Amino acid sequence: MTTDNLIEKIGLAVLRGSQLLVVRNRDTSLFLVPGGRVEVGESPTETLKREIREELSCDIDEASLDYIGEYRDDAANDKGSKVRIRLYRGELAGNGIKMANEIDECLWFDTEHGDVTQLSKIIRDQILPDLRVRGFLAPAVEGESW
């Protein structure tokens, strides 16, 4: 749903220690949180389920969903527009991630040592700092991989 250049999105923060799952759409350069635009009549959970299936070919563990908050900033891929992301923390379900549709790249971003210039402005300036303050990002464990 878009109103007056405001793009409404629902996002999913999938966390593993100090890592955040991010995706990059085709023909774009910045990474975003998985999720997407709300379709008319959809609940936030329905939007997440549809978008995660479309982007990552897997499901979400609905029981793990926890609403984190709302973030607003300039839209990463729609110049002149603003975006409002209602962000949930949760886990993926199924047989692993398989990029689909518009997704060109998917990675576990290292929030302690990664190059934040790869991330959308809303993640870099708002989401990551908030996740740190709330204690959702655990320090990296030496030798651990995802």
C-alpha atoms as a PDB file:
ATOM      1  CA  MET A   1       0.000   0.000   0.000  1.00  0.00           C
ATOM      2  CA  THR A   2       1.433   3.417  -0.960  1.00  0.00           C
ATOM      3  CA  THR A   3      -0.072   6.689   0.278  1.00  0.00           C
ATOM      4  CA  ASP A   4       1.436  10.089  -0.568  1.00  0.00           C
ATOM      5  CA  ASN A   5       4.824   8.544  -1.404  1.00  0.00           C
ATOM      6  CA  LEU A   6       4.796   6.470   1.799  1.00  0.00           C
ATOM      7  CA  ILE A   7       5.555   2.805   1.159  1.00  0.00           C
ATOM      8  CA  GLU A   8       4.165   0.472   3.819  1.00  0.00           C
ATOM      9  CA  LYS A   9       6.309  -2.614   4.415  1.00  0.00           C
ATOM     10  CA  ILE A  10       6.499  -5.455   6.886  1.00  0.00           C
ATOM     11  CA  GLY A  11      10.020  -6.698   7.609  1.00  0.00           C
ATOM     12  CA  LEU A  12      11.493  -9.743   9.309  1.00  0.00           C
ATOM     13  CA  ALA A  13      14.648  -9.546  11.410  1.00  0.00           C
ATOM     14  CA  VAL A  14      16.166 -13.029  11.478  1.00  0.00           C
ATOM     15  CA  LEU A  15      19.082 -12.929  13.912  1.00  0.00           C
ATOM     16  CA  ARG A  16      21.937 -15.368  14.586  1.00  0.00           C
ATOM     17  CA  GLY A  17      24.190 -14.001  17.304  1.00  0.00           C
ATOM     18  CA  SER A  18      25.593 -10.797  15.838  1.00  0.00           C
ATOM     19  CA  GLN A  19      24.361 -11.565  12.314  1.00  0.00           C
ATOM     20  CA  LEU A  20      21.258 -10.256  10.560  1.00  0.00           C
ATOM     21  CA  LEU A  21      19.763 -11.920   7.488  1.00  0.00           C
ATOM     22  CA  VAL A  22      19.551  -9.394   4.635  1.00  0.00           C
ATOM     23  CA  VAL A  23      18.583  -9.610   0.970  1.00  0.00           C
ATOM     24  CA  ARG A  24      19.407  -7.614  -2.143  1.00  0.00           C
ATOM     25  CA  ASN A  25      16.868  -7.262  -4.929  1.00  0.00           C
ATOM     26  CA  ARG A  26      17.784  -7.565  -8.595  1.00  0.00           C
ATOM     27  CA  ASP A  27      19.182  -4.399 -10.160  1.00  0.00           C
ATOM     28  CA  THR A  28      19.793  -2.769  -6.758  1.00  0.00           C
ATOM     29  CA  SER A  29      22.923  -2.262  -4.701  1.00  0.00           C
ATOM     30  CA  LEU A  30      21.692  -2.069  -1.099  1.00  0.00           C
ATOM     31  CA  PHE A  31      20.655  -4.879   1.230  1.00  0.00           C
ATOM     32  CA  LEU A  32      17.240  -4.832   2.920  1.00  0.00           C
ATOM     33  CA  VAL A  33      15.534  -6.894   5.599  1.00  0.00           C
ATOM     34  CA  PRO A  34      13.396  -9.664   4.077  1.00  0.00           C
ATOM     35  CA  GLY A  35       9.741  -8.755   3.711  1.00  0.00           C
ATOM     36  CA  GLY A  36       7.815  -6.404   1.545  1.00  0.00           C
ATOM     37  CA  ARG A  37       4.834  -4.288   0.699  1.00  0.00           C
ATOM     38  CA  VAL A  38       1.493  -4.876   2.333  1.00  0.00           C
ATOM     39  CA  GLU A  39      -1.281  -5.909  -0.047  1.00  0.00           C
ATOM     40  CA  VAL A  40      -4.840  -4.693   0.517  1.00  0.00           C
ATOM     41  CA  GLY A  41      -6.542  -6.665   3.275  1.00  0.00           C
ATOM     42  CA  GLU A  42      -3.391  -8.452   4.469  1.00  0.00           C
ATOM     43  CA  SER A  43      -2.403  -8.738   8.105  1.00  0.00           C
ATOM     44  CA  PRO A  44       1.293  -8.250   8.981  1.00  0.00           C
ATOM     45  CA  THR A  45       1.684 -12.018   9.449  1.00  0.00           C
ATOM     46  CA  GLU A  46       0.074 -12.749   6.075  1.00  0.00           C
ATOM     47  CA  THR A  47       2.388 -10.235   4.413  1.00  0.00           C
ATOM     48  CA  LEU A  48       5.462 -11.824   6.004  1.00  0.00           C
ATOM     49  CA  LYS A  49       4.392 -15.347   5.076  1.00  0.00           C
ATOM     50  CA  ARG A  50       3.766 -14.370   1.435  1.00  0.00           C
ATOM     51  CA  GLU A  51       6.915 -12.259   1.066  1.00  0.00           C
ATOM     52  CA  ILE A  52       9.258 -14.793   2.718  1.00  0.00           C
ATOM     53  CA  ARG A  53       7.903 -17.548   0.469  1.00  0.00           C
ATOM     54  CA  GLU A  54       8.346 -15.294  -2.581  1.00  0.00           C
ATOM     55  CA  GLU A  55      11.858 -14.125  -1.650  1.00  0.00           C
ATOM     56  CA  LEU A  56      13.452 -17.064   0.173  1.00  0.00           C
ATOM     57  CA  SER A  57      11.291 -20.092  -0.754  1.00  0.00           C
ATOM     58  CA  CYS A  58      10.697 -20.995   2.870  1.00  0.00           C
ATOM     59  CA  ASP A  59       8.188 -20.351   5.640  1.00  0.00           C
ATOM     60  CA  ILE A  60       8.284 -18.442   8.890  1.00  0.00           C
ATOM     61  CA  ASP A  61       7.810 -19.949  12.321  1.00  0.00           C
ATOM     62  CA  GLU A  62       4.714 -17.949  13.286  1.00  0.00           C
ATOM     63  CA  ALA A  63       5.121 -18.837  16.970  1.00  0.00           C
ATOM     64  CA  SER A  64       8.533 -17.113  16.952  1.00  0.00           C
ATOM     65  CA  LEU A  65       7.236 -13.753  15.677  1.00  0.00           C
ATOM     66  CA  ASP A  66       7.741 -10.823  18.019  1.00  0.00           C
ATOM     67  CA  TYR A  67       6.870  -7.248  17.035  1.00  0.00           C
ATOM     68  CA  ILE A  68       9.911  -4.997  17.469  1.00  0.00           C
ATOM     69  CA  GLY A  69       8.708  -1.625  16.257  1.00  0.00           C
ATOM     70  CA  GLU A  70       8.166   0.825  13.446  1.00  0.00           C
ATOM     71  CA  TYR A  71      10.865   2.654  11.493  1.00  0.00           C
ATOM     72  CA  ARG A  72      10.550   5.451   8.889  1.00  0.00           C
ATOM     73  CA  ASP A  73      13.136   6.798   6.470  1.00  0.00           C
ATOM     74  CA  ASP A  74      13.852   7.431   2.808  1.00  0.00           C
ATOM     75  CA  ALA A  75      13.025   4.414   0.652  1.00  0.00           C
ATOM     76  CA  ALA A  76      16.152   2.602  -0.546  1.00  0.00           C
ATOM     77  CA  ASN A  77      14.983   1.813  -4.067  1.00  0.00           C
ATOM     78  CA  ASP A  78      12.166   4.313  -4.699  1.00  0.00           C
ATOM     79  CA  LYS A  79      13.666   7.790  -5.022  1.00  0.00           C
ATOM     80  CA  GLY A  80      11.456  10.535  -3.627  1.00  0.00           C
ATOM     81  CA  SER A  81       9.484   8.111  -1.467  1.00  0.00           C
ATOM     82  CA  LYS A  82       9.499   7.378   2.225  1.00  0.00           C
ATOM     83  CA  VAL A  83       9.179   3.928   3.729  1.00  0.00           C
ATOM     84  CA  ARG A  84       7.574   2.746   6.946  1.00  0.00           C
ATOM     85  CA  ILE A  85       8.742  -0.684   8.051  1.00  0.00           C
ATOM     86  CA  ARG A  86       6.889  -2.510  10.795  1.00  0.00           C
ATOM     87  CA  LEU A  87       9.588  -4.924  11.917  1.00  0.00           C
ATOM     88  CA  TYR A  88       9.154  -8.335  13.493  1.00  0.00           C
ATOM     89  CA  ARG A  89      11.805 -10.614  14.893  1.00  0.00           C
ATOM     90  CA  GLY A  90      11.370 -14.273  14.031  1.00  0.00           C
ATOM     91  CA  GLU A  91      12.729 -17.536  12.724  1.00  0.00           C
ATOM     92  CA  LEU A  92      12.507 -19.228   9.369  1.00  0.00           C
ATOM     93  CA  ALA A  93      11.004 -22.703   8.980  1.00  0.00           C
ATOM     94  CA  GLY A  94      11.468 -25.318   6.317  1.00  0.00           C
ATOM     95  CA  ASN A  95      14.409 -26.764   4.462  1.00  0.00           C
ATOM     96  CA  GLY A  96      16.662 -23.743   4.282  1.00  0.00           C
ATOM     97  CA  ILE A  97      16.830 -20.619   2.209  1.00  0.00           C
ATOM     98  CA  LYS A  98      16.637 -20.670  -1.580  1.00  0.00           C
ATOM     99  CA  MET A  99      16.610 -17.263  -3.254  1.00  0.00           C
ATOM    100  CA  ALA A 100      13.641 -16.759  -5.532  1.00  0.00           C
ATOM    101  CA  ASN A 101      11.890 -14.154  -7.681  1.00  0.00           C
ATOM    102  CA  GLU A 102      13.459 -10.732  -7.383  1.00  0.00           C
ATOM    103  CA  ILE A 103      16.243 -11.641  -4.936  1.00  0.00           C
ATOM    104  CA  ASP A 104      19.784 -11.572  -6.341  1.00  0.00           C
ATOM    105  CA  GLU A 105      21.718 -12.063  -3.117  1.00  0.00           C
ATOM    106  CA  CYS A 106      21.092 -13.131   0.446  1.00  0.00           C
ATOM    107  CA  LEU A 107      23.629 -13.004   3.275  1.00  0.00           C
ATOM    108  CA  TRP A 108      24.141 -13.122   6.999  1.00  0.00           C
ATOM    109  CA  PHE A 109      25.420  -9.620   7.649  1.00  0.00           C
ATOM    110  CA  ASP A 110      27.998  -9.357  10.435  1.00  0.00           C
ATOM    111  CA  THR A 111      26.666  -6.420  12.467  1.00  0.00           C
ATOM    112  CA  GLU A 112      29.948  -6.025  14.356  1.00  0.00           C
ATOM    113  CA  HIS A 113      32.440  -6.035  11.479  1.00  0.00           C
ATOM    114  CA  GLY A 114      30.443  -5.831   8.231  1.00  0.00           C
ATOM    115  CA  ASP A 115      30.551  -2.953   5.760  1.00  0.00           C
ATOM    116  CA  VAL A 116      27.414  -0.982   6.673  1.00  0.00           C
ATOM    117  CA  THR A 117      27.566   0.966   3.401  1.00  0.00           C
ATOM    118  CA  GLN A 118      26.072  -2.186   1.814  1.00  0.00           C
ATOM    119  CA  LEU A 119      22.895  -1.724   3.876  1.00  0.00           C
ATOM    120  CA  SER A 120      19.870   0.452   3.244  1.00  0.00           C
ATOM    121  CA  LYS A 121      19.810   3.709   5.201  1.00  0.00           C
ATOM    122  CA  ILE A 122      16.934   2.569   7.422  1.00  0.00           C
ATOM    123  CA  ILE A 123      18.865  -0.539   8.526  1.00  0.00           C
ATOM    124  CA  ARG A 124      22.136   1.344   8.987  1.00  0.00           C
ATOM    125  CA  ASP A 125      20.742   4.387  10.825  1.00  0.00           C
ATOM    126  CA  GLN A 126      17.733   3.050  12.688  1.00  0.00           C
ATOM    127  CA  ILE A 127      17.229  -0.707  12.803  1.00  0.00           C
ATOM    128  CA  LEU A 128      20.755  -1.835  13.762  1.00  0.00           C
ATOM    129  CA  PRO A 129      21.211   0.799  16.483  1.00  0.00           C
ATOM    130  CA  ASP A 130      17.809  -0.106  17.945  1.00  0.00           C
ATOM    131  CA  LEU A 131      18.532  -3.851  17.867  1.00  0.00           C
ATOM    132  CA  ARG A 132      21.828  -3.189  19.695  1.00  0.00           C
ATOM    133  CA  VAL A 133      20.225  -1.004  22.380  1.00  0.00           C
ATOM    134  CA  ARG A 134      17.525  -3.609  22.992  1.00  0.00           C
ATOM    135  CA  GLY A 135      20.117  -6.385  23.332  1.00  0.00           C
ATOM    136  CA  PHE A 136      18.827  -8.424  20.372  1.00  0.00           C
ATOM    137  CA  LEU A 137      22.292  -8.649  18.789  1.00  0.00           C
ATOM    138  CA  ALA A 138      24.556 -10.987  20.730  1.00  0.00           C
ATOM    139  CA  PRO A 139      28.335 -10.717  20.421  1.00  0.00           C
ATOM    140  CA  ALA A 140      29.865 -12.966  17.794  1.00  0.00           C
ATOM    141  CA  VAL A 141      31.067 -16.360  18.989  1.00  0.00           C
ATOM    142  CA  GLU A 142      34.574 -17.242  17.755  1.00  0.00           C
ATOM    143  CA  GLY A 143      34.507 -20.030  15.175  1.00  0.00           C
ATOM    144  CA  GLU A 144      30.725 -20.084  14.836  1.00  0.00           C
ATOM    145  CA  SER A 145      29.244 -20.044  11.347  1.00  0.00           C
ATOM    146  CA  TRP A 146      25.722 -19.972  10.013  1.00  0.00           C
END
